[in-house]
N, C-alpha and C. Protein backbone atom coordinates (compact mmCIF):
# COMPACT_ATOMS: atom_id res chain seq x y z
N UNK A 1 23.68 -121.50 104.21
CA UNK A 1 24.93 -120.87 103.37
C UNK A 1 25.39 -119.60 104.18
N UNK A 2 26.56 -119.33 103.97
CA UNK A 2 27.05 -117.99 104.51
C UNK A 2 27.00 -117.13 103.56
N UNK A 3 26.91 -115.86 103.94
CA UNK A 3 27.14 -114.79 102.96
C UNK A 3 28.04 -114.69 101.88
N UNK A 4 29.31 -115.11 102.04
CA UNK A 4 30.19 -115.27 101.11
C UNK A 4 30.20 -116.33 100.07
N UNK A 5 29.60 -117.54 100.47
CA UNK A 5 29.14 -118.43 99.67
C UNK A 5 27.93 -117.92 98.76
N UNK A 6 26.91 -117.24 99.32
CA UNK A 6 25.87 -116.78 98.45
C UNK A 6 26.44 -115.71 97.46
N UNK A 7 27.36 -114.89 97.65
CA UNK A 7 27.84 -113.81 96.94
C UNK A 7 28.69 -114.46 95.67
N UNK A 8 29.53 -115.67 96.20
CA UNK A 8 30.37 -116.34 95.08
C UNK A 8 29.27 -117.02 94.23
N UNK A 9 28.15 -117.54 94.70
CA UNK A 9 27.39 -118.44 93.66
C UNK A 9 26.34 -117.22 92.83
N UNK A 10 26.16 -116.28 93.30
CA UNK A 10 25.54 -115.10 92.49
C UNK A 10 26.17 -114.79 91.39
N UNK A 11 27.76 -114.45 91.74
CA UNK A 11 28.64 -113.91 90.85
C UNK A 11 28.79 -115.15 89.78
N UNK A 12 28.92 -116.32 89.90
CA UNK A 12 28.82 -117.31 88.90
C UNK A 12 27.92 -117.34 88.16
N UNK A 13 26.54 -117.17 88.58
CA UNK A 13 25.23 -117.35 87.95
C UNK A 13 25.47 -116.17 86.89
N UNK A 14 25.73 -114.73 87.23
CA UNK A 14 25.90 -113.73 86.52
C UNK A 14 26.76 -113.76 85.35
N UNK A 15 27.87 -114.45 85.61
CA UNK A 15 29.06 -114.79 84.48
C UNK A 15 28.22 -115.75 83.67
N UNK A 16 27.69 -116.62 84.07
CA UNK A 16 27.19 -117.85 83.01
C UNK A 16 25.98 -117.20 82.28
N UNK A 17 25.37 -116.15 82.42
CA UNK A 17 24.16 -115.55 81.89
C UNK A 17 24.47 -114.10 81.30
N UNK A 18 25.10 -114.27 79.92
CA UNK A 18 25.87 -112.99 79.46
C UNK A 18 24.86 -111.89 79.01
N UNK A 19 23.56 -112.39 79.04
CA UNK A 19 22.38 -111.21 78.58
C UNK A 19 22.42 -110.12 79.77
N UNK A 20 22.53 -110.72 80.85
CA UNK A 20 22.60 -109.93 82.16
C UNK A 20 23.69 -108.85 82.13
N UNK A 21 24.91 -109.27 81.49
CA UNK A 21 25.91 -108.25 81.46
C UNK A 21 25.91 -107.32 80.17
N UNK A 22 25.37 -107.53 79.48
CA UNK A 22 25.31 -106.59 78.16
C UNK A 22 25.03 -105.23 78.52
N UNK A 23 25.30 -104.41 77.72
CA UNK A 23 24.86 -102.68 77.89
C UNK A 23 23.73 -102.77 77.62
N UNK A 24 23.14 -101.31 78.33
CA UNK A 24 21.75 -101.03 78.05
C UNK A 24 21.53 -100.56 76.61
N UNK A 25 20.44 -100.47 76.08
CA UNK A 25 20.02 -100.07 74.76
C UNK A 25 20.45 -98.83 74.14
N UNK A 26 20.69 -97.77 75.25
CA UNK A 26 21.18 -96.59 74.82
C UNK A 26 22.64 -96.54 74.71
N UNK A 27 23.70 -97.43 75.45
CA UNK A 27 24.95 -97.38 75.25
C UNK A 27 25.20 -98.23 74.08
N UNK A 28 24.57 -99.23 73.90
CA UNK A 28 24.59 -100.33 72.88
C UNK A 28 24.09 -99.95 71.36
N UNK A 29 23.34 -98.97 71.43
CA UNK A 29 22.56 -98.58 70.29
C UNK A 29 23.24 -97.75 69.27
N UNK A 30 22.45 -97.18 68.12
CA UNK A 30 23.22 -96.56 67.23
C UNK A 30 24.01 -95.24 67.75
N UNK A 31 25.07 -94.91 67.20
CA UNK A 31 26.03 -93.79 67.80
C UNK A 31 25.23 -92.58 67.48
N UNK A 32 24.50 -92.23 66.31
CA UNK A 32 23.86 -91.07 65.97
C UNK A 32 22.38 -90.94 66.30
N UNK A 33 21.99 -91.67 67.04
CA UNK A 33 20.61 -91.71 67.44
C UNK A 33 20.45 -90.47 68.38
N UNK A 34 19.32 -89.60 68.57
CA UNK A 34 19.33 -88.91 69.37
C UNK A 34 19.53 -88.89 70.74
N UNK A 35 18.97 -90.21 71.36
CA UNK A 35 19.00 -90.66 72.64
C UNK A 35 20.45 -90.87 73.12
N UNK A 36 21.27 -91.23 72.23
CA UNK A 36 22.50 -91.78 72.47
C UNK A 36 23.35 -90.22 72.60
N UNK A 37 23.06 -89.06 71.74
CA UNK A 37 23.57 -87.96 71.57
C UNK A 37 23.40 -87.06 73.01
N UNK A 38 22.11 -87.34 73.55
CA UNK A 38 21.52 -86.68 74.67
C UNK A 38 22.20 -87.14 76.06
N UNK A 39 22.56 -88.67 75.74
CA UNK A 39 23.10 -89.20 76.88
C UNK A 39 24.59 -88.63 77.14
N UNK A 40 25.23 -88.71 75.80
CA UNK A 40 26.77 -88.07 76.01
C UNK A 40 26.48 -86.59 76.45
N UNK A 41 25.63 -85.88 75.93
CA UNK A 41 25.50 -84.42 76.50
C UNK A 41 25.38 -84.68 77.98
N UNK A 42 24.56 -85.13 78.32
CA UNK A 42 24.33 -85.26 79.95
C UNK A 42 25.56 -85.77 80.66
N UNK A 43 26.29 -86.62 80.17
CA UNK A 43 27.56 -87.22 80.84
C UNK A 43 28.48 -85.98 80.71
N UNK A 44 28.66 -85.35 79.68
CA UNK A 44 29.71 -84.08 79.65
C UNK A 44 29.25 -83.04 80.64
N UNK A 45 27.93 -82.79 80.78
CA UNK A 45 27.44 -81.76 81.90
C UNK A 45 27.71 -82.20 83.08
N UNK A 46 27.38 -83.39 83.54
CA UNK A 46 28.02 -83.65 84.85
C UNK A 46 29.18 -84.09 85.12
N UNK A 47 30.03 -84.23 84.06
CA UNK A 47 31.55 -84.09 84.31
C UNK A 47 31.99 -82.72 84.75
N UNK A 48 31.50 -81.82 83.94
CA UNK A 48 31.62 -80.32 84.00
C UNK A 48 31.42 -79.79 85.47
N UNK A 49 30.12 -80.29 85.76
CA UNK A 49 29.77 -79.74 87.22
C UNK A 49 30.76 -80.24 88.22
N UNK A 50 30.96 -81.65 88.04
CA UNK A 50 32.14 -82.24 89.14
C UNK A 50 33.68 -81.49 88.95
N UNK A 51 34.05 -81.46 87.75
CA UNK A 51 35.14 -80.54 87.60
C UNK A 51 35.14 -79.13 88.27
N UNK A 52 34.02 -78.53 87.90
CA UNK A 52 33.81 -77.08 88.55
C UNK A 52 33.77 -77.07 90.09
N UNK A 53 33.15 -78.13 90.79
CA UNK A 53 33.16 -78.22 92.18
C UNK A 53 34.66 -78.52 92.54
N UNK A 54 35.36 -79.50 91.86
CA UNK A 54 36.84 -79.80 92.45
C UNK A 54 37.68 -78.42 92.25
N UNK A 55 37.61 -77.61 91.39
CA UNK A 55 38.22 -76.23 90.80
C UNK A 55 37.71 -75.31 92.27
N UNK A 56 36.75 -75.31 92.51
CA UNK A 56 36.12 -74.61 93.58
C UNK A 56 36.89 -74.95 95.07
N UNK A 57 37.00 -76.39 95.17
CA UNK A 57 37.73 -76.79 96.45
C UNK A 57 39.19 -76.45 96.32
N UNK A 58 39.84 -76.48 95.29
CA UNK A 58 41.12 -75.99 94.97
C UNK A 58 41.30 -74.56 95.28
N UNK A 59 40.52 -73.85 94.64
CA UNK A 59 40.49 -72.32 95.03
C UNK A 59 40.29 -72.19 96.81
N UNK A 60 39.46 -72.78 97.30
CA UNK A 60 39.09 -72.58 98.66
C UNK A 60 40.41 -72.81 99.50
N UNK A 61 40.94 -74.19 99.20
CA UNK A 61 42.23 -74.25 100.06
C UNK A 61 43.48 -73.52 99.75
N UNK A 62 43.40 -73.06 98.30
CA UNK A 62 44.61 -72.26 98.04
C UNK A 62 44.28 -70.84 98.83
N UNK A 63 43.08 -70.29 98.99
CA UNK A 63 42.85 -69.28 99.95
C UNK A 63 43.27 -69.41 101.21
N UNK A 64 42.82 -70.41 101.62
CA UNK A 64 43.29 -70.79 103.13
C UNK A 64 44.88 -70.84 103.34
N UNK A 65 45.34 -71.16 102.48
CA UNK A 65 46.84 -71.31 102.32
C UNK A 65 47.59 -69.99 102.46
N UNK A 66 46.85 -68.99 101.43
CA UNK A 66 47.45 -67.73 101.46
C UNK A 66 47.17 -67.09 102.63
N UNK A 67 45.84 -67.12 103.21
CA UNK A 67 45.48 -66.43 104.55
C UNK A 67 46.43 -66.84 105.73
N UNK A 68 46.74 -68.17 105.61
CA UNK A 68 47.53 -68.56 106.81
C UNK A 68 48.95 -68.04 106.65
N UNK A 69 49.49 -68.13 105.29
CA UNK A 69 50.76 -67.49 105.25
C UNK A 69 50.71 -65.99 105.54
N UNK A 70 49.82 -65.16 105.25
CA UNK A 70 49.69 -63.86 105.63
C UNK A 70 49.89 -63.47 107.10
N UNK A 71 48.93 -64.44 107.89
CA UNK A 71 48.88 -64.42 109.11
C UNK A 71 49.91 -64.82 109.84
N UNK A 72 50.70 -65.88 109.40
CA UNK A 72 51.97 -66.17 110.00
C UNK A 72 53.13 -65.09 109.82
N UNK A 73 53.28 -64.24 108.76
CA UNK A 73 54.01 -63.20 108.47
C UNK A 73 53.75 -62.08 109.29
N UNK A 74 52.34 -61.82 109.63
CA UNK A 74 52.21 -60.57 110.45
C UNK A 74 52.18 -61.07 111.87
N UNK A 75 52.25 -62.37 112.32
CA UNK A 75 52.45 -62.57 113.64
C UNK A 75 53.99 -62.71 113.98
N UNK A 76 54.68 -62.86 112.81
CA UNK A 76 56.18 -62.91 113.28
C UNK A 76 56.60 -61.36 113.18
N UNK A 77 55.93 -60.33 112.70
CA UNK A 77 56.40 -59.20 112.68
C UNK A 77 56.11 -58.52 114.02
N UNK A 78 55.50 -59.20 114.98
CA UNK A 78 55.35 -58.39 116.25
C UNK A 78 56.50 -58.73 117.07
N UNK A 79 56.78 -58.03 118.13
CA UNK A 79 58.16 -58.23 118.95
C UNK A 79 57.51 -58.14 120.26
N UNK A 80 57.92 -59.08 121.13
CA UNK A 80 57.86 -59.06 122.57
C UNK A 80 58.48 -58.10 123.45
N UNK A 81 57.95 -56.88 124.22
CA UNK A 81 58.97 -56.01 124.76
C UNK A 81 59.17 -56.76 126.03
N UNK A 82 60.45 -56.61 126.49
CA UNK A 82 60.90 -57.20 127.93
C UNK A 82 60.48 -56.18 128.93
N UNK A 83 60.15 -56.48 130.03
CA UNK A 83 59.88 -55.60 131.35
C UNK A 83 58.45 -55.63 131.49
N UNK A 84 58.13 -54.45 131.81
CA UNK A 84 56.40 -54.34 132.12
C UNK A 84 56.35 -53.62 133.52
N UNK A 85 55.17 -53.90 134.08
CA UNK A 85 55.01 -53.26 135.51
C UNK A 85 56.06 -53.66 136.28
N UNK A 86 56.63 -52.56 137.01
CA UNK A 86 57.56 -52.72 138.17
C UNK A 86 56.80 -53.21 139.35
N UNK A 87 57.50 -54.26 140.09
CA UNK A 87 56.81 -54.71 141.31
C UNK A 87 57.67 -54.14 142.42
């Protein structure tokens, strides 16, 4: 059997056995249980960490853009003087 055939066979078996596809006891449990509340808090904390990192990347690239703009403005303010050492 090829890999593709094996994958299709495993997918069909998983679809035929619904207990494999059910949610975990924490997700499926009572909404007011301490374990569910702590899982929700953990998810919110991790989403906050991801958001903080993304805001950091935005700030980093924004500072790169500002520095490049300032560098371009400074470079364009210089003028090349014609002439130089006489030969």
